[in-house]
N, C-alpha and C. Protein backbone atom coordinates (compact mmCIF):
# COMPACT_ATOMS: atom_id res chain seq x y z
N MET A 1 -2.19 -16.65 -10.74
CA MET A 1 -2.73 -16.23 -12.22
C MET A 1 -3.93 -16.46 -12.37
N GLN A 2 -4.21 -17.85 -11.77
CA GLN A 2 -5.69 -17.71 -11.86
C GLN A 2 -6.75 -17.45 -10.59
N SER A 3 -6.50 -16.42 -9.90
CA SER A 3 -6.84 -15.39 -8.87
C SER A 3 -7.60 -15.02 -9.87
N PRO A 4 -9.14 -14.78 -9.36
CA PRO A 4 -10.11 -13.15 -10.29
C PRO A 4 -9.92 -12.39 -8.79
N ALA A 5 -8.73 -12.16 -8.47
CA ALA A 5 -8.84 -10.96 -7.46
C ALA A 5 -8.20 -10.22 -8.35
N ILE A 6 -7.31 -10.69 -9.72
CA ILE A 6 -6.95 -9.73 -10.37
C ILE A 6 -7.64 -8.61 -11.33
N TRP A 7 -8.94 -9.69 -11.51
CA TRP A 7 -9.62 -9.09 -12.06
C TRP A 7 -11.03 -7.85 -11.69
N LEU A 8 -10.80 -7.71 -10.25
CA LEU A 8 -11.40 -7.05 -9.71
C LEU A 8 -10.84 -5.87 -9.35
N CYS A 9 -9.64 -5.44 -9.40
CA CYS A 9 -9.63 -3.64 -9.81
C CYS A 9 -9.98 -3.11 -10.60
N ILE A 10 -10.95 -1.92 -10.67
CA ILE A 10 -11.12 -1.00 -10.95
C ILE A 10 -10.58 -0.23 -11.39
N GLY A 11 -9.14 0.21 -11.37
CA GLY A 11 -8.41 0.73 -11.51
C GLY A 11 -8.53 2.53 -11.45
N CYS A 12 -9.57 2.28 -10.12
CA CYS A 12 -8.63 4.25 -9.00
C CYS A 12 -7.10 4.28 -9.08
N GLN A 13 -6.78 3.82 -9.20
CA GLN A 13 -5.15 4.20 -8.19
C GLN A 13 -5.17 4.41 -7.16
N ARG A 14 -6.10 4.02 -6.27
CA ARG A 14 -5.95 4.19 -4.38
C ARG A 14 -5.25 3.63 -4.41
N CYS A 15 -4.41 2.10 -5.08
CA CYS A 15 -2.91 1.60 -4.73
C CYS A 15 -2.29 2.59 -4.34
N THR A 16 -2.07 2.90 -5.17
CA THR A 16 -0.95 3.59 -5.57
C THR A 16 -0.61 4.67 -5.04
N SER A 17 -1.86 5.53 -5.02
CA SER A 17 -1.85 7.11 -4.58
C SER A 17 -1.17 6.49 -2.20
N ALA A 18 -1.97 6.06 -2.13
CA ALA A 18 -1.32 5.57 -0.67
C ALA A 18 0.23 4.49 -0.83
N CYS A 19 0.56 3.92 -1.71
CA CYS A 19 2.04 3.40 -1.15
C CYS A 19 2.96 4.29 -1.38
N SER A 20 3.79 4.28 -0.17
CA SER A 20 4.91 5.58 0.35
C SER A 20 5.82 4.78 -0.48
N GLN A 21 6.32 3.87 -0.96
CA GLN A 21 7.11 3.09 -2.14
C GLN A 21 6.96 3.18 -3.45
N LEU A 22 5.64 4.53 -3.93
CA LEU A 22 5.48 5.41 -4.86
C LEU A 22 5.57 3.75 -5.93
N VAL A 23 4.70 2.67 -6.26
CA VAL A 23 4.58 1.31 -6.41
C VAL A 23 3.63 2.23 -7.53
N LYS A 24 3.53 2.12 -8.19
CA LYS A 24 2.13 2.21 -9.15
C LYS A 24 1.47 1.13 -9.22
N GLY A 25 0.50 0.83 -8.53
CA GLY A 25 -0.24 -0.95 -8.46
C GLY A 25 -1.14 -1.32 -9.79
N HIS A 26 -1.35 -0.21 -9.99
CA HIS A 26 -2.52 -0.55 -10.90
C HIS A 26 -1.96 -0.58 -12.04
N LEU A 27 -0.89 -0.15 -12.23
CA LEU A 27 -0.16 -0.88 -13.47
C LEU A 27 0.18 -2.31 -13.90
N ILE A 28 0.81 -2.48 -12.47
CA ILE A 28 0.80 -3.70 -12.17
C ILE A 28 0.07 -4.44 -11.87
N ILE A 29 -0.85 -4.64 -11.73
CA ILE A 29 -1.78 -5.40 -11.59
C ILE A 29 -2.75 -5.02 -12.78
N GLU A 30 -2.44 -4.31 -13.92
CA GLU A 30 -2.73 -4.69 -15.60
C GLU A 30 -1.87 -5.67 -16.57
N GLN A 31 -1.12 -4.99 -16.61
CA GLN A 31 0.26 -5.96 -16.44
C GLN A 31 -0.50 -8.09 -16.20
N LEU A 32 -0.63 -7.90 -14.39
CA LEU A 32 -0.73 -9.07 -14.41
C LEU A 32 -2.53 -9.55 -15.20
N LYS A 33 -3.16 -9.09 -15.96
CA LYS A 33 -3.86 -8.74 -16.08
C LYS A 33 -4.03 -9.30 -17.89
N GLN A 34 -2.74 -9.08 -18.40
CA GLN A 34 -2.82 -8.79 -19.71
C GLN A 34 -1.99 -10.05 -19.59
N LEU A 35 -0.78 -10.74 -18.67
CA LEU A 35 0.12 -11.72 -18.92
C LEU A 35 -1.06 -13.02 -18.65
N ALA A 36 -2.39 -12.72 -17.45
CA ALA A 36 -3.08 -14.03 -18.07
C ALA A 36 -3.67 -13.94 -18.72
N VAL A 37 -4.01 -13.51 -20.00
CA VAL A 37 -4.29 -13.68 -20.55
C VAL A 37 -3.60 -14.34 -22.42
N SER A 38 -2.35 -13.59 -21.77
CA SER A 38 -1.27 -14.07 -23.39
C SER A 38 -0.52 -15.85 -22.56
N GLU A 39 -0.37 -15.63 -21.47
CA GLU A 39 -0.69 -17.02 -20.18
C GLU A 39 -1.93 -17.88 -20.84
N GLY A 40 -2.66 -17.82 -20.67
CA GLY A 40 -3.91 -18.56 -21.38
C GLY A 40 -4.98 -19.27 -19.96
N PHE A 41 -4.64 -18.07 -18.77
CA PHE A 41 -5.51 -18.61 -17.98
C PHE A 41 -6.68 -17.21 -17.68
N ALA A 42 -6.42 -17.29 -18.52
CA ALA A 42 -8.03 -16.04 -18.93
C ALA A 42 -7.94 -15.88 -20.92
N THR A 43 -9.09 -16.05 -21.55
CA THR A 43 -9.54 -16.16 -22.17
C THR A 43 -9.35 -14.97 -23.33
N GLU A 44 -9.35 -14.73 -24.15
CA GLU A 44 -8.84 -13.38 -24.98
C GLU A 44 -9.64 -12.40 -25.51
N LYS A 45 -10.62 -13.91 -24.81
CA LYS A 45 -12.30 -11.79 -24.84
C LYS A 45 -12.86 -12.13 -23.19
N PHE A 46 -12.20 -12.74 -22.69
CA PHE A 46 -12.65 -12.41 -21.30
C PHE A 46 -12.66 -10.96 -20.42
N PRO A 47 -11.35 -10.26 -20.55
CA PRO A 47 -11.06 -9.02 -20.51
C PRO A 47 -12.69 -8.14 -20.41
N LEU A 48 -12.82 -8.30 -22.22
CA LEU A 48 -14.05 -7.20 -22.28
C LEU A 48 -14.97 -8.10 -21.49
N ALA A 49 -15.43 -9.17 -21.45
CA ALA A 49 -16.72 -9.77 -20.95
C ALA A 49 -16.34 -8.93 -20.05
N TRP A 50 -15.47 -9.37 -19.41
CA TRP A 50 -15.49 -8.82 -17.12
C TRP A 50 -16.17 -6.78 -17.60
N LYS A 51 -15.22 -6.10 -18.45
CA LYS A 51 -15.51 -5.12 -18.20
C LYS A 51 -17.33 -4.35 -18.40
N GLU A 52 -17.76 -5.79 -19.22
CA GLU A 52 -19.25 -5.71 -19.27
C GLU A 52 -20.41 -5.81 -17.64
N TYR A 53 -19.52 -6.70 -16.94
CA TYR A 53 -19.87 -7.89 -16.45
C TYR A 53 -20.12 -5.95 -15.36
N GLN A 54 -18.49 -5.82 -15.31
CA GLN A 54 -19.00 -4.68 -14.17
C GLN A 54 -19.62 -3.09 -13.43
N GLN A 55 -20.00 -3.11 -14.31
CA GLN A 55 -21.27 -2.32 -14.63
C GLN A 55 -21.76 -2.58 -13.78
N SER A 56 -22.22 -3.76 -14.00
CA SER A 56 -23.61 -4.21 -13.24
C SER A 56 -23.20 -4.75 -11.95
N LEU A 57 -22.23 -5.05 -11.49
CA LEU A 57 -21.13 -5.77 -10.27
C LEU A 57 -21.19 -4.28 -9.22
N TYR A 58 -20.44 -4.00 -9.92
CA TYR A 58 -20.21 -3.34 -9.11
C TYR A 58 -20.77 -1.90 -8.70
N SER A 59 -21.85 -1.66 -9.48
CA SER A 59 -22.79 -0.59 -8.80
C SER A 59 -23.94 -1.70 -7.38
N GLN A 60 -23.74 -3.31 -7.68
CA GLN A 60 -24.53 -3.46 -6.77
C GLN A 60 -23.37 -3.74 -5.97
N LEU A 61 -22.27 -3.19 -4.96
CA LEU A 61 -21.33 -3.89 -4.56
C LEU A 61 -21.06 -2.18 -3.89
N LEU A 62 -21.14 -1.42 -4.40
CA LEU A 62 -20.18 0.19 -4.62
C LEU A 62 -20.01 0.50 -2.53
N ASP A 63 -21.88 0.28 -2.15
CA ASP A 63 -21.30 0.46 -0.57
C ASP A 63 -20.41 -0.19 0.20
N GLU A 64 -20.75 -1.91 0.20
CA GLU A 64 -20.22 -2.60 0.57
C GLU A 64 -19.02 -1.78 0.31
N ILE A 65 -17.51 -1.75 -1.48
CA ILE A 65 -16.85 -0.99 -1.37
C ILE A 65 -16.42 -0.13 -0.75
N ASN A 66 -17.06 0.40 -0.51
CA ASN A 66 -16.82 2.29 0.05
C ASN A 66 -16.88 2.03 1.65
N LEU A 67 -17.38 0.53 2.05
CA LEU A 67 -17.09 0.59 3.68
C LEU A 67 -15.66 0.38 3.82
N LEU A 68 -15.15 -0.57 2.95
CA LEU A 68 -13.56 -1.88 3.27
C LEU A 68 -12.64 -0.51 3.14
N PHE A 69 -12.86 0.08 2.29
CA PHE A 69 -12.04 0.79 1.82
C PHE A 69 -11.83 2.70 2.92
N GLY A 70 -13.40 2.52 3.79
CA GLY A 70 -13.24 3.54 4.51
C GLY A 70 -13.76 4.72 3.91
N TYR A 71 -14.98 4.84 3.89
CA TYR A 71 -15.21 6.26 2.37
C TYR A 71 -16.74 5.98 3.50
């Protein structure tokens, strides 16, 4: 719950689309984010602040992210 990895999910649903076991990965990540806030691992204000930061961060990293996923 302390890992920043859950906040890196952009909700694109690629994990869900790729899963042969029909796991809805994007929904699991969303639930983990909610749990992180409710359990005190992240402040209640963090998700909103993170959304604001995502716009600039992901635009800077878009090419690198696409390379990682083979696009």
